[in-house]
Amino acid sequence: MDAKEFVRTTVAAHPLVLFMKGTAQFPQCGFSGRAVQILKSCAVQNLVTVNVLDDEEVRQAVKDFANWPTVPQLYVKGQFIGGSDIMTEMFESGELQELLRQLPAA
């Protein structure tokens, strides 16, 4: 499976996916760390993370897939939401919590 197909399959197979630098337990950049903290404060149970630092082809494929130049990238129910800045704005307005409440329980 090539990197683009990996991204497409991952987003389709999981209701909540965060492509990030590092892991949820050990983020490798401040933006990825902020994204994880936001999702933890929303008490999500079914988060799937993909460390783009493990594979340069996946890192580029994620950017191409969403036509978004930076990582992290959040997908909810197959839909691209945005990076940590958009997640922060949505969290502060309550929009992110409402969106995440619609997800099935883990």
PDB file of N, CA and C in Angstrom:
ATOM      1  N   MET A   1       0.853  -1.176   0.000  1.00  0.00           N
ATOM      2  CA  MET A   1       0.000   0.000   0.000  1.00  0.00           C
ATOM      3  C   MET A   1       0.898   1.238   0.000  1.00  0.00           C
ATOM      4  N   ASP A   2       0.617   2.158  -0.910  1.00  0.00           N
ATOM      5  CA  ASP A   2       1.434   3.367  -0.939  1.00  0.00           C
ATOM      6  C   ASP A   2       0.950   4.348   0.131  1.00  0.00           C
ATOM      7  N   ALA A   3       1.699   5.422   0.325  1.00  0.00           N
ATOM      8  CA  ALA A   3       1.432   6.358   1.419  1.00  0.00           C
ATOM      9  C   ALA A   3       0.078   7.040   1.273  1.00  0.00           C
ATOM     10  N   LYS A   4      -0.292   7.426   0.069  1.00  0.00           N
ATOM     11  CA  LYS A   4      -1.587   8.085  -0.128  1.00  0.00           C
ATOM     12  C   LYS A   4      -2.735   7.149   0.216  1.00  0.00           C
ATOM     13  N   GLU A   5      -2.599   5.893  -0.181  1.00  0.00           N
ATOM     14  CA  GLU A   5      -3.636   4.906   0.131  1.00  0.00           C
ATOM     15  C   GLU A   5      -3.679   4.642   1.643  1.00  0.00           C
ATOM     16  N   PHE A   6      -2.520   4.634   2.292  1.00  0.00           N
ATOM     17  CA  PHE A   6      -2.471   4.472   3.743  1.00  0.00           C
ATOM     18  C   PHE A   6      -3.257   5.591   4.433  1.00  0.00           C
ATOM     19  N   VAL A   7      -3.036   6.826   4.012  1.00  0.00           N
ATOM     20  CA  VAL A   7      -3.754   7.964   4.607  1.00  0.00           C
ATOM     21  C   VAL A   7      -5.249   7.809   4.365  1.00  0.00           C
ATOM     22  N   ARG A   8      -5.644   7.538   3.138  1.00  0.00           N
ATOM     23  CA  ARG A   8      -7.063   7.398   2.786  1.00  0.00           C
ATOM     24  C   ARG A   8      -7.726   6.275   3.600  1.00  0.00           C
ATOM     25  N   THR A   9      -7.064   5.144   3.696  1.00  0.00           N
ATOM     26  CA  THR A   9      -7.596   3.992   4.433  1.00  0.00           C
ATOM     27  C   THR A   9      -7.698   4.294   5.927  1.00  0.00           C
ATOM     28  N   THR A  10      -6.689   4.925   6.484  1.00  0.00           N
ATOM     29  CA  THR A  10      -6.681   5.249   7.913  1.00  0.00           C
ATOM     30  C   THR A  10      -7.814   6.203   8.260  1.00  0.00           C
ATOM     31  N   VAL A  11      -7.985   7.242   7.454  1.00  0.00           N
ATOM     32  CA  VAL A  11      -9.039   8.229   7.699  1.00  0.00           C
ATOM     33  C   VAL A  11     -10.425   7.585   7.565  1.00  0.00           C
ATOM     34  N   ALA A  12     -10.569   6.684   6.603  1.00  0.00           N
ATOM     35  CA  ALA A  12     -11.863   6.027   6.386  1.00  0.00           C
ATOM     36  C   ALA A  12     -12.183   4.998   7.472  1.00  0.00           C
ATOM     37  N   ALA A  13     -11.159   4.369   8.027  1.00  0.00           N
ATOM     38  CA  ALA A  13     -11.366   3.257   8.960  1.00  0.00           C
ATOM     39  C   ALA A  13     -11.590   3.685  10.404  1.00  0.00           C
ATOM     40  N   HIS A  14     -11.237   4.920  10.756  1.00  0.00           N
ATOM     41  CA  HIS A  14     -11.304   5.352  12.148  1.00  0.00           C
ATOM     42  C   HIS A  14     -12.067   6.673  12.257  1.00  0.00           C
ATOM     43  N   PRO A  15     -12.943   6.784  13.240  1.00  0.00           N
ATOM     44  CA  PRO A  15     -13.732   8.010  13.360  1.00  0.00           C
ATOM     45  C   PRO A  15     -12.941   9.231  13.820  1.00  0.00           C
ATOM     46  N   LEU A  16     -11.787   9.022  14.461  1.00  0.00           N
ATOM     47  CA  LEU A  16     -11.001  10.135  14.986  1.00  0.00           C
ATOM     48  C   LEU A  16      -9.518   9.845  14.771  1.00  0.00           C
ATOM     49  N   VAL A  17      -8.895  10.605  13.873  1.00  0.00           N
ATOM     50  CA  VAL A  17      -7.490  10.372  13.525  1.00  0.00           C
ATOM     51  C   VAL A  17      -6.732  11.691  13.625  1.00  0.00           C
ATOM     52  N   LEU A  18      -5.586  11.636  14.279  1.00  0.00           N
ATOM     53  CA  LEU A  18      -4.688  12.775  14.350  1.00  0.00           C
ATOM     54  C   LEU A  18      -3.344  12.372  13.760  1.00  0.00           C
ATOM     55  N   PHE A  19      -2.991  12.970  12.631  1.00  0.00           N
ATOM     56  CA  PHE A  19      -1.659  12.820  12.076  1.00  0.00           C
ATOM     57  C   PHE A  19      -0.799  13.863  12.770  1.00  0.00           C
ATOM     58  N   MET A  20       0.278  13.431  13.384  1.00  0.00           N
ATOM     59  CA  MET A  20       1.055  14.324  14.240  1.00  0.00           C
ATOM     60  C   MET A  20       2.529  13.976  14.192  1.00  0.00           C
ATOM     61  N   LYS A  21       3.331  14.850  14.768  1.00  0.00           N
ATOM     62  CA  LYS A  21       4.758  14.573  14.951  1.00  0.00           C
ATOM     63  C   LYS A  21       4.920  13.983  16.339  1.00  0.00           C
ATOM     64  N   GLY A  22       5.329  12.733  16.380  1.00  0.00           N
ATOM     65  CA  GLY A  22       5.453  12.022  17.645  1.00  0.00           C
ATOM     66  C   GLY A  22       4.218  11.195  17.931  1.00  0.00           C
ATOM     67  N   THR A  23       4.047  10.881  19.202  1.00  0.00           N
ATOM     68  CA  THR A  23       2.903  10.082  19.637  1.00  0.00           C
ATOM     69  C   THR A  23       2.103  10.869  20.672  1.00  0.00           C
ATOM     70  N   ALA A  24       0.935  10.380  20.990  1.00  0.00           N
ATOM     71  CA  ALA A  24       0.116  11.047  22.009  1.00  0.00           C
ATOM     72  C   ALA A  24       0.853  11.071  23.348  1.00  0.00           C
ATOM     73  N   GLN A  25       1.628  10.042  23.635  1.00  0.00           N
ATOM     74  CA  GLN A  25       2.382   9.968  24.878  1.00  0.00           C
ATOM     75  C   GLN A  25       3.642  10.831  24.843  1.00  0.00           C
ATOM     76  N   PHE A  26       4.181  11.069  23.635  1.00  0.00           N
ATOM     77  CA  PHE A  26       5.426  11.821  23.509  1.00  0.00           C
ATOM     78  C   PHE A  26       5.411  12.657  22.224  1.00  0.00           C
ATOM     79  N   PRO A  27       4.657  13.746  22.232  1.00  0.00           N
ATOM     80  CA  PRO A  27       4.620  14.619  21.047  1.00  0.00           C
ATOM     81  C   PRO A  27       6.006  15.188  20.758  1.00  0.00           C
ATOM     82  N   GLN A  28       6.316  15.344  19.481  1.00  0.00           N
ATOM     83  CA  GLN A  28       7.632  15.815  19.064  1.00  0.00           C
ATOM     84  C   GLN A  28       7.641  17.272  18.608  1.00  0.00           C
ATOM     85  N   CYS A  29       6.512  17.967  18.752  1.00  0.00           N
ATOM     86  CA  CYS A  29       6.487  19.405  18.492  1.00  0.00           C
ATOM     87  C   CYS A  29       5.369  20.025  19.326  1.00  0.00           C
ATOM     88  N   GLY A  30       5.474  21.306  19.560  1.00  0.00           N
ATOM     89  CA  GLY A  30       4.495  21.998  20.391  1.00  0.00           C
ATOM     90  C   GLY A  30       3.098  21.974  19.821  1.00  0.00           C
ATOM     91  N   PHE A  31       2.971  22.073  18.493  1.00  0.00           N
ATOM     92  CA  PHE A  31       1.648  22.077  17.880  1.00  0.00           C
ATOM     93  C   PHE A  31       0.972  20.719  18.042  1.00  0.00           C
ATOM     94  N   SER A  32       1.738  19.644  17.855  1.00  0.00           N
ATOM     95  CA  SER A  32       1.180  18.308  18.062  1.00  0.00           C
ATOM     96  C   SER A  32       0.818  18.105  19.530  1.00  0.00           C
ATOM     97  N   GLY A  33       1.667  18.588  20.420  1.00  0.00           N
ATOM     98  CA  GLY A  33       1.369  18.488  21.849  1.00  0.00           C
ATOM     99  C   GLY A  33       0.093  19.219  22.205  1.00  0.00           C
ATOM    100  N   ARG A  34      -0.094  20.412  21.643  1.00  0.00           N
ATOM    101  CA  ARG A  34      -1.314  21.187  21.898  1.00  0.00           C
ATOM    102  C   ARG A  34      -2.543  20.441  21.380  1.00  0.00           C
ATOM    103  N   ALA A  35      -2.433  19.856  20.190  1.00  0.00           N
ATOM    104  CA  ALA A  35      -3.559  19.110  19.620  1.00  0.00           C
ATOM    105  C   ALA A  35      -3.958  17.945  20.522  1.00  0.00           C
ATOM    106  N   VAL A  36      -2.968  17.216  21.016  1.00  0.00           N
ATOM    107  CA  VAL A  36      -3.247  16.078  21.905  1.00  0.00           C
ATOM    108  C   VAL A  36      -3.901  16.570  23.197  1.00  0.00           C
ATOM    109  N   GLN A  37      -3.390  17.654  23.766  1.00  0.00           N
ATOM    110  CA  GLN A  37      -3.964  18.189  25.012  1.00  0.00           C
ATOM    111  C   GLN A  37      -5.416  18.605  24.820  1.00  0.00           C
ATOM    112  N   ILE A  38      -5.714  19.228  23.702  1.00  0.00           N
ATOM    113  CA  ILE A  38      -7.090  19.632  23.415  1.00  0.00           C
ATOM    114  C   ILE A  38      -7.983  18.398  23.366  1.00  0.00           C
ATOM    115  N   LEU A  39      -7.547  17.370  22.654  1.00  0.00           N
ATOM    116  CA  LEU A  39      -8.368  16.162  22.529  1.00  0.00           C
ATOM    117  C   LEU A  39      -8.503  15.450  23.871  1.00  0.00           C
ATOM    118  N   LYS A  40      -7.443  15.421  24.673  1.00  0.00           N
ATOM    119  CA  LYS A  40      -7.537  14.808  26.006  1.00  0.00           C
ATOM    120  C   LYS A  40      -8.522  15.574  26.879  1.00  0.00           C
ATOM    121  N   SER A  41      -8.525  16.899  26.772  1.00  0.00           N
ATOM    122  CA  SER A  41      -9.449  17.677  27.595  1.00  0.00           C
ATOM    123  C   SER A  41     -10.893  17.483  27.149  1.00  0.00           C
ATOM    124  N   CYS A  42     -11.076  16.983  25.938  1.00  0.00           N
ATOM    125  CA  CYS A  42     -12.418  16.642  25.456  1.00  0.00           C
ATOM    126  C   CYS A  42     -12.786  15.207  25.833  1.00  0.00           C
ATOM    127  N   ALA A  43     -11.889  14.520  26.525  1.00  0.00           N
ATOM    128  CA  ALA A  43     -12.103  13.154  27.026  1.00  0.00           C
ATOM    129  C   ALA A  43     -12.392  12.148  25.909  1.00  0.00           C
ATOM    130  N   VAL A  44     -11.712  12.301  24.777  1.00  0.00           N
ATOM    131  CA  VAL A  44     -11.914  11.332  23.706  1.00  0.00           C
ATOM    132  C   VAL A  44     -11.311   9.989  24.100  1.00  0.00           C
ATOM    133  N   GLN A  45     -11.959   8.933  23.673  1.00  0.00           N
ATOM    134  CA  GLN A  45     -11.523   7.588  24.018  1.00  0.00           C
ATOM    135  C   GLN A  45     -10.995   6.815  22.817  1.00  0.00           C
ATOM    136  N   ASN A  46     -11.351   7.243  21.630  1.00  0.00           N
ATOM    137  CA  ASN A  46     -11.086   6.434  20.442  1.00  0.00           C
ATOM    138  C   ASN A  46     -10.133   7.118  19.473  1.00  0.00           C
ATOM    139  N   LEU A  47      -9.178   7.867  19.988  1.00  0.00           N
ATOM    140  CA  LEU A  47      -8.231   8.587  19.144  1.00  0.00           C
ATOM    141  C   LEU A  47      -7.186   7.639  18.558  1.00  0.00           C
ATOM    142  N   VAL A  48      -7.015   7.726  17.247  1.00  0.00           N
ATOM    143  CA  VAL A  48      -5.946   7.015  16.553  1.00  0.00           C
ATOM    144  C   VAL A  48      -4.941   8.076  16.132  1.00  0.00           C
ATOM    145  N   THR A  49      -3.674   7.883  16.498  1.00  0.00           N
ATOM    146  CA  THR A  49      -2.637   8.821  16.087  1.00  0.00           C
ATOM    147  C   THR A  49      -1.673   8.134  15.133  1.00  0.00           C
ATOM    148  N   VAL A  50      -1.145   8.927  14.205  1.00  0.00           N
ATOM    149  CA  VAL A  50      -0.142   8.443  13.267  1.00  0.00           C
ATOM    150  C   VAL A  50       1.047   9.386  13.365  1.00  0.00           C
ATOM    151  N   ASN A  51       2.206   8.835  13.677  1.00  0.00           N
ATOM    152  CA  ASN A  51       3.433   9.610  13.792  1.00  0.00           C
ATOM    153  C   ASN A  51       4.032   9.783  12.397  1.00  0.00           C
ATOM    154  N   VAL A  52       3.906  10.987  11.842  1.00  0.00           N
ATOM    155  CA  VAL A  52       4.405  11.229  10.490  1.00  0.00           C
ATOM    156  C   VAL A  52       5.925  11.256  10.425  1.00  0.00           C
ATOM    157  N   LEU A  53       6.588  11.338  11.569  1.00  0.00           N
ATOM    158  CA  LEU A  53       8.050  11.314  11.577  1.00  0.00           C
ATOM    159  C   LEU A  53       8.598   9.918  11.291  1.00  0.00           C
ATOM    160  N   ASP A  54       7.740   8.901  11.395  1.00  0.00           N
ATOM    161  CA  ASP A  54       8.166   7.534  11.122  1.00  0.00           C
ATOM    162  C   ASP A  54       8.332   7.251   9.631  1.00  0.00           C
ATOM    163  N   ASP A  55       7.692   8.066   8.772  1.00  0.00           N
ATOM    164  CA  ASP A  55       7.709   7.786   7.338  1.00  0.00           C
ATOM    165  C   ASP A  55       7.544   9.092   6.566  1.00  0.00           C
ATOM    166  N   GLU A  56       8.583   9.512   5.879  1.00  0.00           N
ATOM    167  CA  GLU A  56       8.547  10.772   5.121  1.00  0.00           C
ATOM    168  C   GLU A  56       7.480  10.739   4.031  1.00  0.00           C
ATOM    169  N   GLU A  57       7.245   9.584   3.432  1.00  0.00           N
ATOM    170  CA  GLU A  57       6.213   9.498   2.385  1.00  0.00           C
ATOM    171  C   GLU A  57       4.822   9.730   2.972  1.00  0.00           C
ATOM    172  N   VAL A  58       4.560   9.193   4.147  1.00  0.00           N
ATOM    173  CA  VAL A  58       3.275   9.425   4.814  1.00  0.00           C
ATOM    174  C   VAL A  58       3.155  10.900   5.205  1.00  0.00           C
ATOM    175  N   ARG A  59       4.234  11.454   5.687  1.00  0.00           N
ATOM    176  CA  ARG A  59       4.225  12.880   6.072  1.00  0.00           C
ATOM    177  C   ARG A  59       3.815  13.758   4.891  1.00  0.00           C
ATOM    178  N   GLN A  60       4.372  13.480   3.712  1.00  0.00           N
ATOM    179  CA  GLN A  60       4.016  14.263   2.524  1.00  0.00           C
ATOM    180  C   GLN A  60       2.615  13.920   2.035  1.00  0.00           C
ATOM    181  N   ALA A  61       2.245  12.651   2.113  1.00  0.00           N
ATOM    182  CA  ALA A  61       0.922  12.228   1.636  1.00  0.00           C
ATOM    183  C   ALA A  61      -0.195  12.877   2.447  1.00  0.00           C
ATOM    184  N   VAL A  62       0.018  13.044   3.743  1.00  0.00           N
ATOM    185  CA  VAL A  62      -0.984  13.701   4.589  1.00  0.00           C
ATOM    186  C   VAL A  62      -1.186  15.139   4.124  1.00  0.00           C
ATOM    187  N   LYS A  63      -0.098  15.819   3.862  1.00  0.00           N
ATOM    188  CA  LYS A  63      -0.182  17.208   3.403  1.00  0.00           C
ATOM    189  C   LYS A  63      -0.903  17.292   2.060  1.00  0.00           C
ATOM    190  N   ASP A  64      -0.600  16.374   1.164  1.00  0.00           N
ATOM    191  CA  ASP A  64      -1.237  16.353  -0.151  1.00  0.00           C
ATOM    192  C   ASP A  64      -2.714  15.982  -0.056  1.00  0.00           C
ATOM    193  N   PHE A  65      -3.038  15.018   0.807  1.00  0.00           N
ATOM    194  CA  PHE A  65      -4.404  14.506   0.933  1.00  0.00           C
ATOM    195  C   PHE A  65      -5.380  15.619   1.300  1.00  0.00           C
ATOM    196  N   ALA A  66      -5.001  16.457   2.244  1.00  0.00           N
ATOM    197  CA  ALA A  66      -5.885  17.530   2.703  1.00  0.00           C
ATOM    198  C   ALA A  66      -5.594  18.858   2.012  1.00  0.00           C
ATOM    199  N   ASN A  67      -4.539  18.873   1.215  1.00  0.00           N
ATOM    200  CA  ASN A  67      -4.081  20.136   0.631  1.00  0.00           C
ATOM    201  C   ASN A  67      -3.844  21.158   1.738  1.00  0.00           C
ATOM    202  N   TRP A  68      -3.179  20.684   2.797  1.00  0.00           N
ATOM    203  CA  TRP A  68      -2.882  21.487   3.985  1.00  0.00           C
ATOM    204  C   TRP A  68      -1.402  21.313   4.280  1.00  0.00           C
ATOM    205  N   PRO A  69      -0.629  22.405   4.383  1.00  0.00           N
ATOM    206  CA  PRO A  69       0.825  22.276   4.390  1.00  0.00           C
ATOM    207  C   PRO A  69       1.477  21.860   5.699  1.00  0.00           C
ATOM    208  N   THR A  70       0.714  21.784   6.781  1.00  0.00           N
ATOM    209  CA  THR A  70       1.351  21.528   8.079  1.00  0.00           C
ATOM    210  C   THR A  70       0.730  20.342   8.794  1.00  0.00           C
ATOM    211  N   VAL A  71       1.461  19.885   9.793  1.00  0.00           N
ATOM    212  CA  VAL A  71       1.036  18.810  10.687  1.00  0.00           C
ATOM    213  C   VAL A  71       1.111  19.400  12.084  1.00  0.00           C
ATOM    214  N   PRO A  72       0.175  19.119  12.984  1.00  0.00           N
ATOM    215  CA  PRO A  72      -0.811  18.045  12.982  1.00  0.00           C
ATOM    216  C   PRO A  72      -2.020  18.348  12.099  1.00  0.00           C
ATOM    217  N   GLN A  73      -2.740  17.256  11.798  1.00  0.00           N
ATOM    218  CA  GLN A  73      -3.987  17.335  11.050  1.00  0.00           C
ATOM    219  C   GLN A  73      -4.991  16.402  11.715  1.00  0.00           C
ATOM    220  N   LEU A  74      -6.165  16.956  12.001  1.00  0.00           N
ATOM    221  CA  LEU A  74      -7.228  16.185  12.649  1.00  0.00           C
ATOM    222  C   LEU A  74      -8.314  15.842  11.637  1.00  0.00           C
ATOM    223  N   TYR A  75      -8.757  14.579  11.688  1.00  0.00           N
ATOM    224  CA  TYR A  75      -9.874  14.100  10.883  1.00  0.00           C
ATOM    225  C   TYR A  75     -10.938  13.540  11.815  1.00  0.00           C
ATOM    226  N   VAL A  76     -12.165  13.941  11.598  1.00  0.00           N
ATOM    227  CA  VAL A  76     -13.305  13.429  12.365  1.00  0.00           C
ATOM    228  C   VAL A  76     -14.307  12.870  11.369  1.00  0.00           C
ATOM    229  N   LYS A  77     -14.619  11.591  11.528  1.00  0.00           N
ATOM    230  CA  LYS A  77     -15.540  10.887  10.632  1.00  0.00           C
ATOM    231  C   LYS A  77     -15.157  11.099   9.168  1.00  0.00           C
ATOM    232  N   GLY A  78     -13.861  10.991   8.880  1.00  0.00           N
ATOM    233  CA  GLY A  78     -13.371  11.082   7.525  1.00  0.00           C
ATOM    234  C   GLY A  78     -13.206  12.493   6.987  1.00  0.00           C
ATOM    235  N   GLN A  79     -13.606  13.478   7.752  1.00  0.00           N
ATOM    236  CA  GLN A  79     -13.545  14.867   7.296  1.00  0.00           C
ATOM    237  C   GLN A  79     -12.346  15.582   7.918  1.00  0.00           C
ATOM    238  N   PHE A  80     -11.593  16.283   7.077  1.00  0.00           N
ATOM    239  CA  PHE A  80     -10.467  17.074   7.559  1.00  0.00           C
ATOM    240  C   PHE A  80     -10.999  18.261   8.355  1.00  0.00           C
ATOM    241  N   ILE A  81     -10.501  18.424   9.587  1.00  0.00           N
ATOM    242  CA  ILE A  81     -10.923  19.524  10.456  1.00  0.00           C
ATOM    243  C   ILE A  81      -9.908  20.648  10.413  1.00  0.00           C
ATOM    244  N   GLY A  82      -8.639  20.337  10.589  1.00  0.00           N
ATOM    245  CA  GLY A  82      -7.594  21.358  10.559  1.00  0.00           C
ATOM    246  C   GLY A  82      -6.456  20.993  11.474  1.00  0.00           C
ATOM    247  N   GLY A  83      -5.595  21.981  11.700  1.00  0.00           N
ATOM    248  CA  GLY A  83      -4.442  21.818  12.559  1.00  0.00           C
ATOM    249  C   GLY A  83      -4.710  22.337  13.954  1.00  0.00           C
ATOM    250  N   SER A  84      -3.647  22.501  14.731  1.00  0.00           N
ATOM    251  CA  SER A  84      -3.825  22.875  16.140  1.00  0.00           C
ATOM    252  C   SER A  84      -4.430  24.264  16.308  1.00  0.00           C
ATOM    253  N   ASP A  85      -4.165  25.181  15.380  1.00  0.00           N
ATOM    254  CA  ASP A  85      -4.756  26.516  15.502  1.00  0.00           C
ATOM    255  C   ASP A  85      -6.269  26.472  15.329  1.00  0.00           C
ATOM    256  N   ILE A  86      -6.728  25.729  14.339  1.00  0.00           N
ATOM    257  CA  ILE A  86      -8.170  25.590  14.122  1.00  0.00           C
ATOM    258  C   ILE A  86      -8.791  24.797  15.259  1.00  0.00           C
ATOM    259  N   MET A  87      -8.107  23.763  15.719  1.00  0.00           N
ATOM    260  CA  MET A  87      -8.609  22.985  16.855  1.00  0.00           C
ATOM    261  C   MET A  87      -8.763  23.875  18.088  1.00  0.00           C
ATOM    262  N   THR A  88      -7.793  24.763  18.320  1.00  0.00           N
ATOM    263  CA  THR A  88      -7.853  25.667  19.468  1.00  0.00           C
ATOM    264  C   THR A  88      -9.058  26.588  19.367  1.00  0.00           C
ATOM    265  N   GLU A  89      -9.262  27.179  18.201  1.00  0.00           N
ATOM    266  CA  GLU A  89     -10.417  28.066  17.999  1.00  0.00           C
ATOM    267  C   GLU A  89     -11.723  27.314  18.202  1.00  0.00           C
ATOM    268  N   MET A  90     -11.818  26.108  17.635  1.00  0.00           N
ATOM    269  CA  MET A  90     -13.042  25.315  17.768  1.00  0.00           C
ATOM    270  C   MET A  90     -13.269  24.902  19.219  1.00  0.00           C
ATOM    271  N   PHE A  91     -12.187  24.570  19.928  1.00  0.00           N
ATOM    272  CA  PHE A  91     -12.295  24.183  21.335  1.00  0.00           C
ATOM    273  C   PHE A  91     -12.797  25.356  22.170  1.00  0.00           C
ATOM    274  N   GLU A  92     -12.213  26.533  21.950  1.00  0.00           N
ATOM    275  CA  GLU A  92     -12.592  27.705  22.733  1.00  0.00           C
ATOM    276  C   GLU A  92     -14.044  28.115  22.493  1.00  0.00           C
ATOM    277  N   SER A  93     -14.564  27.848  21.298  1.00  0.00           N
ATOM    278  CA  SER A  93     -15.957  28.189  20.994  1.00  0.00           C
ATOM    279  C   SER A  93     -16.936  27.082  21.395  1.00  0.00           C
ATOM    280  N   GLY A  94     -16.413  25.891  21.724  1.00  0.00           N
ATOM    281  CA  GLY A  94     -17.270  24.756  22.067  1.00  0.00           C
ATOM    282  C   GLY A  94     -17.650  23.914  20.860  1.00  0.00           C
ATOM    283  N   GLU A  95     -17.277  24.363  19.685  1.00  0.00           N
ATOM    284  CA  GLU A  95     -17.632  23.649  18.457  1.00  0.00           C
ATOM    285  C   GLU A  95     -16.962  22.275  18.379  1.00  0.00           C
ATOM    286  N   LEU A  96     -15.712  22.180  18.816  1.00  0.00           N
ATOM    287  CA  LEU A  96     -15.005  20.901  18.758  1.00  0.00           C
ATOM    288  C   LEU A  96     -15.651  19.878  19.690  1.00  0.00           C
ATOM    289  N   GLN A  97     -15.995  20.301  20.901  1.00  0.00           N
ATOM    290  CA  GLN A  97     -16.625  19.380  21.842  1.00  0.00           C
ATOM    291  C   GLN A  97     -17.931  18.845  21.271  1.00  0.00           C
ATOM    292  N   GLU A  98     -18.710  19.703  20.641  1.00  0.00           N
ATOM    293  CA  GLU A  98     -19.976  19.284  20.045  1.00  0.00           C
ATOM    294  C   GLU A  98     -19.735  18.274  18.922  1.00  0.00           C
ATOM    295  N   LEU A  99     -18.745  18.535  18.099  1.00  0.00           N
ATOM    296  CA  LEU A  99     -18.408  17.621  17.011  1.00  0.00           C
ATOM    297  C   LEU A  99     -17.966  16.265  17.554  1.00  0.00           C
ATOM    298  N   LEU A 100     -17.144  16.270  18.590  1.00  0.00           N
ATOM    299  CA  LEU A 100     -16.630  15.019  19.155  1.00  0.00           C
ATOM    300  C   LEU A 100     -17.709  14.246  19.904  1.00  0.00           C
ATOM    301  N   ARG A 101     -18.705  14.918  20.424  1.00  0.00           N
ATOM    302  CA  ARG A 101     -19.817  14.211  21.105  1.00  0.00           C
ATOM    303  C   ARG A 101     -20.597  13.329  20.134  1.00  0.00           C
ATOM    304  N   GLN A 102     -20.515  13.614  18.863  1.00  0.00           N
ATOM    305  CA  GLN A 102     -21.239  12.849  17.849  1.00  0.00           C
ATOM    306  C   GLN A 102     -20.553  11.541  17.502  1.00  0.00           C
ATOM    307  N   LEU A 103     -19.332  11.349  17.998  1.00  0.00           N
ATOM    308  CA  LEU A 103     -18.591  10.122  17.693  1.00  0.00           C
ATOM    309  C   LEU A 103     -19.117   8.962  18.519  1.00  0.00           C
ATOM    310  N   PRO A 104     -19.020   7.754  17.973  1.00  0.00           N
ATOM    311  CA  PRO A 104     -19.403   6.574  18.766  1.00  0.00           C
ATOM    312  C   PRO A 104     -18.451   6.395  19.934  1.00  0.00           C
ATOM    313  N   ALA A 105     -18.944   5.864  21.028  1.00  0.00           N
ATOM    314  CA  ALA A 105     -18.102   5.594  22.200  1.00  0.00           C
ATOM    315  C   ALA A 105     -17.139   4.465  21.864  1.00  0.00           C
ATOM    316  N   ALA A 106     -15.989   4.507  22.510  1.00  0.00           N
ATOM    317  CA  ALA A 106     -14.966   3.470  22.241  1.00  0.00           C
ATOM    318  C   ALA A 106     -15.397   2.135  22.770  1.00  0.00           C
TER     319      ALA A 106
END
